[in-house]
Amino acid sequence: DIVVENYRPDVKYRLGVDYDSLKAVNPRIILASISGFGQDGPYRERPGFDQIAQGLSGIMSVTGAPGAGPMRVGCAVADVGAGLLAALGIMTALLEREQSGEGQWVQTNLLQAAIQLLDFQAARFLTVSVVALGFNLIVLKVLVTGFGVAEFPAQAIAVICATPLNFIGNKLWSFSR
């Protein structure tokens, strides 16, 4: 059996649907908890909202038009991402349960889901301390992610630098439509 919940951490204990309570009834139970900010830490009791996770994660700082400031992504990427991470965790827990016979407590949260979407931007920050605050500026996006689109009055230019070999002699190779 699988139970999925998206309460703040304290609520599941108050309702008696926390992992230890469920496991006492069924040791094979899998509980998937999706919260705003995780099961522990300073923000754990705060309710989670997609737009807040987008802002705190930095997604909004790399989304939008030049000069327009941070912009929310047009769909609920943190909500959907957290659901997908929970589903992957549940599938992994099901595989483990087949081997061990034991259930698992799978945990994810909106902020974690939003941060994991910043793959290239986060990697750039963690490796060389570059903060991506580009608001879709083509130069920053290409330097940070290797991908970007530059809009000009007559045409748009898509730039893709999939490998370091694309940066030959400090020249940026691009293809335009």
N, C-alpha and C. Protein backbone atom coordinates (compact mmCIF):
# COMPACT_ATOMS: atom_id res chain seq x y z
N ASP A 1 0.83 -1.19 0.00
CA ASP A 1 0.00 0.00 0.00
C ASP A 1 0.87 1.25 0.00
N ILE A 2 0.36 2.30 -0.60
CA ILE A 2 1.07 3.57 -0.72
C ILE A 2 0.16 4.69 -0.26
N VAL A 3 0.70 5.60 0.54
CA VAL A 3 -0.02 6.79 0.97
C VAL A 3 0.79 8.00 0.52
N VAL A 4 0.12 8.96 -0.12
CA VAL A 4 0.76 10.19 -0.53
C VAL A 4 0.08 11.33 0.21
N GLU A 5 0.90 12.21 0.84
CA GLU A 5 0.34 13.35 1.55
C GLU A 5 1.16 14.59 1.25
N ASN A 6 0.51 15.75 1.34
CA ASN A 6 1.23 17.00 1.13
C ASN A 6 0.88 18.02 2.20
N TYR A 7 0.88 17.56 3.44
CA TYR A 7 0.65 18.43 4.58
C TYR A 7 1.97 19.07 5.04
N ARG A 8 1.83 20.12 5.84
CA ARG A 8 3.00 20.58 6.58
C ARG A 8 3.38 19.44 7.53
N PRO A 9 4.66 19.31 7.89
CA PRO A 9 5.09 18.16 8.69
C PRO A 9 4.29 17.95 9.98
N ASP A 10 3.91 19.01 10.68
CA ASP A 10 3.20 18.83 11.94
C ASP A 10 1.79 18.27 11.76
N VAL A 11 1.17 18.52 10.62
CA VAL A 11 -0.22 18.12 10.41
C VAL A 11 -0.35 16.60 10.36
N LYS A 12 0.55 15.92 9.68
CA LYS A 12 0.43 14.46 9.56
C LYS A 12 0.51 13.79 10.93
N TYR A 13 1.32 14.35 11.85
CA TYR A 13 1.42 13.79 13.20
C TYR A 13 0.12 14.03 13.97
N ARG A 14 -0.44 15.21 13.80
CA ARG A 14 -1.70 15.53 14.49
C ARG A 14 -2.83 14.63 14.00
N LEU A 15 -2.82 14.29 12.71
CA LEU A 15 -3.87 13.44 12.14
C LEU A 15 -3.58 11.94 12.31
N GLY A 16 -2.38 11.60 12.76
CA GLY A 16 -2.03 10.20 12.95
C GLY A 16 -1.71 9.46 11.66
N VAL A 17 -1.29 10.21 10.62
CA VAL A 17 -0.91 9.57 9.37
C VAL A 17 0.59 9.74 9.09
N ASP A 18 1.38 9.86 10.15
CA ASP A 18 2.83 9.91 10.02
C ASP A 18 3.35 8.50 9.75
N TYR A 19 4.60 8.40 9.32
CA TYR A 19 5.14 7.11 8.89
C TYR A 19 5.14 6.08 10.02
N ASP A 20 5.57 6.45 11.22
CA ASP A 20 5.62 5.48 12.31
C ASP A 20 4.23 4.93 12.65
N SER A 21 3.22 5.79 12.64
CA SER A 21 1.85 5.34 12.93
C SER A 21 1.35 4.40 11.84
N LEU A 22 1.62 4.74 10.58
CA LEU A 22 1.17 3.89 9.47
C LEU A 22 1.94 2.57 9.45
N LYS A 23 3.23 2.63 9.74
CA LYS A 23 4.06 1.42 9.73
C LYS A 23 3.63 0.45 10.84
N ALA A 24 3.14 0.97 11.96
CA ALA A 24 2.66 0.11 13.04
C ALA A 24 1.46 -0.73 12.58
N VAL A 25 0.68 -0.20 11.66
CA VAL A 25 -0.47 -0.92 11.12
C VAL A 25 -0.06 -1.84 9.98
N ASN A 26 0.88 -1.37 9.14
CA ASN A 26 1.33 -2.13 7.98
C ASN A 26 2.81 -1.87 7.74
N PRO A 27 3.68 -2.80 8.11
CA PRO A 27 5.13 -2.59 7.95
C PRO A 27 5.58 -2.44 6.50
N ARG A 28 4.74 -2.81 5.55
CA ARG A 28 5.09 -2.68 4.13
C ARG A 28 4.62 -1.35 3.52
N ILE A 29 4.05 -0.49 4.33
CA ILE A 29 3.50 0.78 3.83
C ILE A 29 4.60 1.68 3.26
N ILE A 30 4.27 2.36 2.19
CA ILE A 30 5.14 3.39 1.63
C ILE A 30 4.41 4.71 1.80
N LEU A 31 5.04 5.65 2.49
CA LEU A 31 4.48 6.99 2.68
C LEU A 31 5.31 7.96 1.86
N ALA A 32 4.66 8.71 0.99
CA ALA A 32 5.33 9.77 0.23
C ALA A 32 4.84 11.11 0.78
N SER A 33 5.77 11.90 1.29
CA SER A 33 5.45 13.22 1.86
C SER A 33 5.99 14.31 0.94
N ILE A 34 5.10 15.18 0.48
CA ILE A 34 5.49 16.33 -0.33
C ILE A 34 5.12 17.57 0.47
N SER A 35 6.14 18.34 0.84
CA SER A 35 5.89 19.56 1.61
C SER A 35 6.46 20.76 0.87
N GLY A 36 6.31 21.92 1.47
CA GLY A 36 6.86 23.12 0.84
C GLY A 36 8.37 23.20 0.96
N PHE A 37 8.89 22.86 2.17
CA PHE A 37 10.30 23.11 2.45
C PHE A 37 11.00 21.96 3.16
N GLY A 38 10.41 20.79 3.19
CA GLY A 38 11.05 19.64 3.81
C GLY A 38 10.47 19.30 5.17
N GLN A 39 10.89 18.16 5.69
CA GLN A 39 10.37 17.65 6.95
C GLN A 39 11.12 18.20 8.16
N ASP A 40 12.25 18.84 7.93
CA ASP A 40 12.99 19.47 9.03
C ASP A 40 13.59 20.77 8.51
N GLY A 41 14.20 21.52 9.36
CA GLY A 41 14.79 22.78 8.94
C GLY A 41 13.93 23.98 9.35
N PRO A 42 14.45 25.18 9.16
CA PRO A 42 13.79 26.38 9.68
C PRO A 42 12.46 26.72 9.01
N TYR A 43 12.20 26.28 7.78
CA TYR A 43 10.96 26.63 7.09
C TYR A 43 9.95 25.48 7.07
N ARG A 44 10.22 24.41 7.76
CA ARG A 44 9.40 23.20 7.65
C ARG A 44 7.93 23.41 7.98
N GLU A 45 7.60 24.33 8.89
CA GLU A 45 6.21 24.54 9.28
C GLU A 45 5.47 25.50 8.35
N ARG A 46 6.16 26.08 7.40
CA ARG A 46 5.52 27.03 6.50
C ARG A 46 4.80 26.29 5.37
N PRO A 47 3.64 26.81 4.98
CA PRO A 47 2.96 26.19 3.83
C PRO A 47 3.75 26.47 2.55
N GLY A 48 3.66 25.58 1.61
CA GLY A 48 4.40 25.74 0.37
C GLY A 48 3.51 26.15 -0.78
N PHE A 49 4.03 27.04 -1.61
CA PHE A 49 3.34 27.48 -2.82
C PHE A 49 4.35 27.48 -3.96
N ASP A 50 3.92 27.10 -5.13
CA ASP A 50 4.80 27.01 -6.28
C ASP A 50 5.58 28.30 -6.51
N GLN A 51 4.90 29.43 -6.52
CA GLN A 51 5.57 30.70 -6.82
C GLN A 51 6.63 31.04 -5.77
N ILE A 52 6.38 30.72 -4.51
CA ILE A 52 7.38 30.97 -3.47
C ILE A 52 8.61 30.10 -3.70
N ALA A 53 8.39 28.83 -4.04
CA ALA A 53 9.52 27.94 -4.33
C ALA A 53 10.30 28.42 -5.55
N GLN A 54 9.60 28.91 -6.57
CA GLN A 54 10.29 29.45 -7.74
C GLN A 54 11.17 30.63 -7.35
N GLY A 55 10.65 31.52 -6.52
CA GLY A 55 11.42 32.69 -6.11
C GLY A 55 12.61 32.34 -5.25
N LEU A 56 12.40 31.51 -4.22
CA LEU A 56 13.50 31.15 -3.33
C LEU A 56 14.58 30.32 -4.02
N SER A 57 14.19 29.52 -4.99
CA SER A 57 15.15 28.66 -5.68
C SER A 57 16.04 29.42 -6.65
N GLY A 58 15.55 30.54 -7.16
CA GLY A 58 16.29 31.29 -8.16
C GLY A 58 15.75 31.12 -9.57
N ILE A 59 14.76 30.27 -9.76
CA ILE A 59 14.20 30.08 -11.11
C ILE A 59 13.69 31.40 -11.68
N MET A 60 13.04 32.21 -10.85
CA MET A 60 12.48 33.46 -11.35
C MET A 60 13.57 34.44 -11.78
N SER A 61 14.76 34.31 -11.22
CA SER A 61 15.84 35.23 -11.59
C SER A 61 16.43 34.93 -12.95
N VAL A 62 16.18 33.74 -13.49
CA VAL A 62 16.70 33.39 -14.81
C VAL A 62 15.57 33.26 -15.83
N THR A 63 14.39 33.77 -15.48
CA THR A 63 13.22 33.70 -16.35
C THR A 63 12.71 35.11 -16.61
N GLY A 64 12.32 35.39 -17.83
CA GLY A 64 11.71 36.68 -18.13
C GLY A 64 12.38 37.40 -19.28
N ALA A 65 11.92 38.61 -19.53
CA ALA A 65 12.44 39.43 -20.61
C ALA A 65 13.55 40.34 -20.11
N PRO A 66 14.47 40.72 -20.98
CA PRO A 66 15.55 41.63 -20.56
C PRO A 66 15.00 42.90 -19.93
N GLY A 67 15.52 43.24 -18.76
CA GLY A 67 15.13 44.46 -18.07
C GLY A 67 13.81 44.39 -17.32
N ALA A 68 13.10 43.27 -17.42
CA ALA A 68 11.78 43.17 -16.79
C ALA A 68 11.84 42.67 -15.35
N GLY A 69 12.97 42.20 -14.90
CA GLY A 69 13.08 41.67 -13.55
C GLY A 69 12.63 40.23 -13.48
N PRO A 70 12.69 39.64 -12.29
CA PRO A 70 12.32 38.24 -12.12
C PRO A 70 10.87 37.98 -12.56
N MET A 71 10.65 36.81 -13.15
CA MET A 71 9.32 36.45 -13.64
C MET A 71 9.04 34.99 -13.31
N ARG A 72 7.82 34.75 -12.88
CA ARG A 72 7.37 33.39 -12.60
C ARG A 72 7.31 32.59 -13.90
N VAL A 73 7.73 31.33 -13.84
CA VAL A 73 7.57 30.44 -14.99
C VAL A 73 6.08 30.27 -15.24
N GLY A 74 5.70 30.12 -16.49
CA GLY A 74 4.29 30.09 -16.86
C GLY A 74 3.49 28.89 -16.38
N CYS A 75 4.14 27.88 -15.87
CA CYS A 75 3.41 26.72 -15.32
C CYS A 75 3.98 26.39 -13.94
N ALA A 76 3.30 25.55 -13.23
CA ALA A 76 3.66 25.24 -11.84
C ALA A 76 4.80 24.22 -11.78
N VAL A 77 6.02 24.66 -12.14
CA VAL A 77 7.14 23.74 -12.27
C VAL A 77 7.56 23.12 -10.93
N ALA A 78 7.48 23.85 -9.84
CA ALA A 78 7.85 23.29 -8.54
C ALA A 78 6.83 22.25 -8.09
N ASP A 79 5.55 22.54 -8.29
CA ASP A 79 4.51 21.58 -7.94
C ASP A 79 4.65 20.29 -8.74
N VAL A 80 4.76 20.43 -10.05
CA VAL A 80 4.87 19.26 -10.92
C VAL A 80 6.17 18.51 -10.64
N GLY A 81 7.26 19.26 -10.49
CA GLY A 81 8.56 18.63 -10.20
C GLY A 81 8.54 17.84 -8.91
N ALA A 82 7.93 18.39 -7.87
CA ALA A 82 7.85 17.67 -6.59
C ALA A 82 7.02 16.39 -6.74
N GLY A 83 5.94 16.46 -7.50
CA GLY A 83 5.14 15.26 -7.75
C GLY A 83 5.92 14.19 -8.49
N LEU A 84 6.71 14.62 -9.48
CA LEU A 84 7.53 13.66 -10.23
C LEU A 84 8.62 13.05 -9.35
N LEU A 85 9.26 13.89 -8.51
CA LEU A 85 10.28 13.34 -7.60
C LEU A 85 9.65 12.35 -6.63
N ALA A 86 8.45 12.65 -6.15
CA ALA A 86 7.75 11.71 -5.25
C ALA A 86 7.45 10.40 -5.97
N ALA A 87 6.99 10.50 -7.22
CA ALA A 87 6.68 9.28 -7.98
C ALA A 87 7.93 8.43 -8.19
N LEU A 88 9.06 9.08 -8.49
CA LEU A 88 10.32 8.32 -8.64
C LEU A 88 10.72 7.67 -7.32
N GLY A 89 10.55 8.40 -6.24
CA GLY A 89 10.85 7.85 -4.92
C GLY A 89 9.96 6.66 -4.58
N ILE A 90 8.68 6.77 -4.93
CA ILE A 90 7.74 5.67 -4.68
C ILE A 90 8.15 4.43 -5.48
N MET A 91 8.51 4.62 -6.75
CA MET A 91 8.93 3.46 -7.56
C MET A 91 10.17 2.80 -6.99
N THR A 92 11.11 3.63 -6.52
CA THR A 92 12.31 3.07 -5.89
C THR A 92 11.96 2.33 -4.61
N ALA A 93 11.05 2.89 -3.82
CA ALA A 93 10.62 2.24 -2.58
C ALA A 93 9.91 0.92 -2.88
N LEU A 94 9.16 0.87 -3.95
CA LEU A 94 8.50 -0.39 -4.34
C LEU A 94 9.53 -1.46 -4.68
N LEU A 95 10.57 -1.08 -5.39
CA LEU A 95 11.64 -2.03 -5.70
C LEU A 95 12.32 -2.52 -4.42
N GLU A 96 12.61 -1.61 -3.52
CA GLU A 96 13.24 -1.98 -2.23
C GLU A 96 12.32 -2.90 -1.44
N ARG A 97 11.02 -2.60 -1.46
CA ARG A 97 10.08 -3.43 -0.69
C ARG A 97 10.03 -4.85 -1.23
N GLU A 98 10.20 -5.02 -2.53
CA GLU A 98 10.22 -6.37 -3.11
C GLU A 98 11.39 -7.18 -2.57
N GLN A 99 12.51 -6.52 -2.30
CA GLN A 99 13.70 -7.19 -1.79
C GLN A 99 13.65 -7.39 -0.28
N SER A 100 13.28 -6.32 0.45
CA SER A 100 13.38 -6.36 1.91
C SER A 100 12.07 -6.68 2.61
N GLY A 101 10.95 -6.46 1.94
CA GLY A 101 9.66 -6.64 2.59
C GLY A 101 9.25 -5.45 3.45
N GLU A 102 10.10 -4.44 3.54
CA GLU A 102 9.85 -3.27 4.38
C GLU A 102 9.36 -2.08 3.55
N GLY A 103 8.53 -1.28 4.19
CA GLY A 103 8.10 -0.04 3.56
C GLY A 103 9.16 1.04 3.68
N GLN A 104 8.87 2.20 3.14
CA GLN A 104 9.80 3.32 3.17
C GLN A 104 9.02 4.63 3.36
N TRP A 105 9.74 5.64 3.84
CA TRP A 105 9.19 6.99 3.89
C TRP A 105 9.93 7.82 2.86
N VAL A 106 9.26 8.20 1.79
CA VAL A 106 9.82 9.00 0.70
C VAL A 106 9.48 10.46 0.98
N GLN A 107 10.47 11.33 0.90
CA GLN A 107 10.25 12.75 1.19
C GLN A 107 10.78 13.63 0.06
N THR A 108 10.01 14.61 -0.33
CA THR A 108 10.47 15.64 -1.24
C THR A 108 9.73 16.92 -0.90
N ASN A 109 10.13 18.02 -1.55
CA ASN A 109 9.46 19.29 -1.27
C ASN A 109 9.56 20.21 -2.48
N LEU A 110 8.75 21.26 -2.47
CA LEU A 110 8.69 22.17 -3.60
C LEU A 110 10.02 22.88 -3.84
N LEU A 111 10.66 23.32 -2.78
CA LEU A 111 11.93 24.03 -2.94
C LEU A 111 13.00 23.11 -3.54
N GLN A 112 13.07 21.89 -3.05
CA GLN A 112 14.02 20.91 -3.59
C GLN A 112 13.75 20.66 -5.07
N ALA A 113 12.49 20.52 -5.43
CA ALA A 113 12.14 20.27 -6.83
C ALA A 113 12.53 21.45 -7.72
N ALA A 114 12.31 22.66 -7.23
CA ALA A 114 12.66 23.85 -8.02
C ALA A 114 14.17 23.98 -8.17
N ILE A 115 14.91 23.74 -7.11
CA ILE A 115 16.37 23.85 -7.18
C ILE A 115 16.95 22.81 -8.14
N GLN A 116 16.41 21.60 -8.14
CA GLN A 116 16.97 20.58 -9.03
C GLN A 116 16.71 20.91 -10.49
N LEU A 117 15.76 21.78 -10.78
CA LEU A 117 15.54 22.20 -12.16
C LEU A 117 16.61 23.18 -12.65
N LEU A 118 17.34 23.78 -11.73
CA LEU A 118 18.39 24.74 -12.08
C LEU A 118 19.72 24.01 -12.30
N ASP A 119 19.69 22.96 -13.07
CA ASP A 119 20.88 22.12 -13.22
C ASP A 119 22.11 22.89 -13.67
N PHE A 120 22.08 23.54 -14.81
CA PHE A 120 23.26 24.24 -15.31
C PHE A 120 23.58 25.47 -14.46
N GLN A 121 22.54 26.22 -14.09
CA GLN A 121 22.76 27.43 -13.30
C GLN A 121 23.34 27.09 -11.93
N ALA A 122 22.82 26.06 -11.29
CA ALA A 122 23.33 25.65 -9.98
C ALA A 122 24.75 25.11 -10.10
N ALA A 123 25.02 24.34 -11.13
CA ALA A 123 26.37 23.81 -11.32
C ALA A 123 27.37 24.94 -11.51
N ARG A 124 26.99 25.93 -12.29
CA ARG A 124 27.89 27.07 -12.53
C ARG A 124 28.16 27.81 -11.21
N PHE A 125 27.12 27.98 -10.41
CA PHE A 125 27.30 28.66 -9.12
C PHE A 125 28.20 27.86 -8.19
N LEU A 126 27.97 26.56 -8.11
CA LEU A 126 28.72 25.72 -7.18
C LEU A 126 30.17 25.51 -7.62
N THR A 127 30.45 25.57 -8.93
CA THR A 127 31.81 25.33 -9.38
C THR A 127 32.65 26.59 -9.50
N VAL A 128 32.06 27.69 -9.97
CA VAL A 128 32.85 28.91 -10.16
C VAL A 128 32.19 30.15 -9.57
N SER A 129 31.19 29.97 -8.71
CA SER A 129 30.53 31.05 -7.98
C SER A 129 29.93 32.14 -8.88
N VAL A 130 29.44 31.77 -10.06
CA VAL A 130 28.75 32.72 -10.92
C VAL A 130 27.26 32.62 -10.65
N VAL A 131 26.65 33.74 -10.27
CA VAL A 131 25.22 33.78 -10.02
C VAL A 131 24.52 34.15 -11.31
N ALA A 132 23.60 33.31 -11.75
CA ALA A 132 22.87 33.57 -12.99
C ALA A 132 21.71 34.51 -12.71
N LEU A 133 21.87 35.76 -13.07
CA LEU A 133 20.81 36.76 -12.93
C LEU A 133 20.57 37.40 -14.28
N GLY A 134 20.40 36.57 -15.32
CA GLY A 134 20.43 37.07 -16.67
C GLY A 134 19.14 37.59 -17.24
N PHE A 135 18.00 37.23 -16.68
CA PHE A 135 16.72 37.62 -17.25
C PHE A 135 16.72 37.41 -18.76
N ASN A 136 17.19 36.24 -19.18
CA ASN A 136 17.25 35.84 -20.58
C ASN A 136 18.26 36.62 -21.41
N LEU A 137 19.25 37.23 -20.82
CA LEU A 137 20.32 37.85 -21.60
C LEU A 137 21.11 36.74 -22.27
N ILE A 138 21.22 36.79 -23.57
CA ILE A 138 21.81 35.69 -24.34
C ILE A 138 23.23 35.36 -23.90
N VAL A 139 24.05 36.35 -23.65
CA VAL A 139 25.44 36.06 -23.30
C VAL A 139 25.51 35.27 -22.01
N LEU A 140 24.77 35.71 -20.99
CA LEU A 140 24.79 35.00 -19.71
C LEU A 140 24.22 33.60 -19.85
N LYS A 141 23.12 33.47 -20.57
CA LYS A 141 22.53 32.14 -20.71
C LYS A 141 23.48 31.19 -21.41
N VAL A 142 24.16 31.64 -22.43
CA VAL A 142 25.09 30.76 -23.13
C VAL A 142 26.27 30.41 -22.23
N LEU A 143 26.79 31.39 -21.50
CA LEU A 143 27.91 31.11 -20.61
C LEU A 143 27.50 30.18 -19.49
N VAL A 144 26.29 30.32 -18.97
CA VAL A 144 25.85 29.51 -17.84
C VAL A 144 25.33 28.16 -18.30
N THR A 145 24.52 28.14 -19.36
CA THR A 145 23.87 26.89 -19.74
C THR A 145 24.39 26.30 -21.04
N GLY A 146 25.00 27.12 -21.89
CA GLY A 146 25.40 26.62 -23.20
C GLY A 146 24.29 26.73 -24.23
N PHE A 147 23.12 27.24 -23.84
CA PHE A 147 21.98 27.35 -24.74
C PHE A 147 21.35 28.73 -24.59
N GLY A 148 20.73 29.24 -25.63
CA GLY A 148 20.03 30.50 -25.52
C GLY A 148 19.45 30.94 -26.84
N VAL A 149 18.56 31.93 -26.80
CA VAL A 149 17.97 32.52 -27.98
C VAL A 149 18.09 34.03 -27.85
N ALA A 150 18.64 34.68 -28.87
CA ALA A 150 18.75 36.14 -28.89
C ALA A 150 17.72 36.66 -29.86
N GLU A 151 16.87 37.57 -29.41
CA GLU A 151 15.86 38.17 -30.26
C GLU A 151 16.38 39.48 -30.83
N PHE A 152 16.28 39.62 -32.15
CA PHE A 152 16.63 40.85 -32.85
C PHE A 152 15.43 41.27 -33.69
N PRO A 153 15.35 42.53 -34.12
CA PRO A 153 14.18 42.97 -34.90
C PRO A 153 13.90 42.11 -36.13
N ALA A 154 14.94 41.69 -36.83
CA ALA A 154 14.74 40.95 -38.08
C ALA A 154 14.68 39.45 -37.88
N GLN A 155 15.31 38.93 -36.82
CA GLN A 155 15.37 37.49 -36.65
C GLN A 155 15.74 37.12 -35.23
N ALA A 156 15.56 35.85 -34.93
CA ALA A 156 16.01 35.29 -33.66
C ALA A 156 17.17 34.36 -33.96
N ILE A 157 18.13 34.32 -33.06
CA ILE A 157 19.28 33.45 -33.24
C ILE A 157 19.33 32.48 -32.06
N ALA A 158 19.32 31.20 -32.36
CA ALA A 158 19.46 30.17 -31.33
C ALA A 158 20.93 29.80 -31.23
N VAL A 159 21.45 29.78 -30.01
CA VAL A 159 22.85 29.45 -29.78
C VAL A 159 22.90 28.19 -28.94
N ILE A 160 23.65 27.21 -29.42
CA ILE A 160 23.79 25.95 -28.70
C ILE A 160 25.27 25.60 -28.64
N CYS A 161 25.79 25.47 -27.44
CA CYS A 161 27.18 25.05 -27.22
C CYS A 161 27.13 23.80 -26.36
N ALA A 162 26.93 22.66 -27.01
CA ALA A 162 26.69 21.43 -26.27
C ALA A 162 27.94 20.84 -25.65
N THR A 163 29.11 21.16 -26.17
CA THR A 163 30.35 20.64 -25.61
C THR A 163 31.38 21.76 -25.57
N PRO A 164 32.42 21.60 -24.77
CA PRO A 164 33.48 22.62 -24.77
C PRO A 164 34.13 22.82 -26.13
N LEU A 165 34.04 21.83 -27.01
CA LEU A 165 34.63 21.96 -28.34
C LEU A 165 33.95 23.05 -29.15
N ASN A 166 32.71 23.43 -28.78
CA ASN A 166 32.02 24.50 -29.48
C ASN A 166 32.65 25.86 -29.20
N PHE A 167 33.43 25.98 -28.15
CA PHE A 167 34.10 27.23 -27.81
C PHE A 167 35.53 27.18 -28.35
N ILE A 168 35.67 27.24 -29.65
CA ILE A 168 36.99 27.14 -30.27
C ILE A 168 37.60 28.53 -30.37
N GLY A 169 38.76 28.71 -29.75
CA GLY A 169 39.46 29.99 -29.83
C GLY A 169 38.64 31.15 -29.31
N ASN A 170 37.87 30.95 -28.27
CA ASN A 170 37.01 31.97 -27.67
C ASN A 170 35.96 32.49 -28.65
N LYS A 171 35.65 31.73 -29.68
CA LYS A 171 34.59 32.13 -30.62
C LYS A 171 33.35 31.29 -30.32
N LEU A 172 32.22 31.92 -30.39
CA LEU A 172 30.95 31.27 -30.11
C LEU A 172 30.28 30.93 -31.43
N TRP A 173 30.03 29.66 -31.67
CA TRP A 173 29.40 29.24 -32.91
C TRP A 173 27.90 29.20 -32.71
N SER A 174 27.15 29.73 -33.66
CA SER A 174 25.69 29.74 -33.55
C SER A 174 25.05 29.48 -34.90
N PHE A 175 23.78 29.13 -34.86
CA PHE A 175 22.99 28.90 -36.05
C PHE A 175 21.76 29.78 -35.97
N SER A 176 21.42 30.45 -37.05
CA SER A 176 20.24 31.32 -37.03
C SER A 176 19.23 30.81 -38.03
N ARG A 177 18.00 31.24 -37.84
CA ARG A 177 16.94 30.78 -38.76
C ARG A 177 16.87 31.67 -39.97
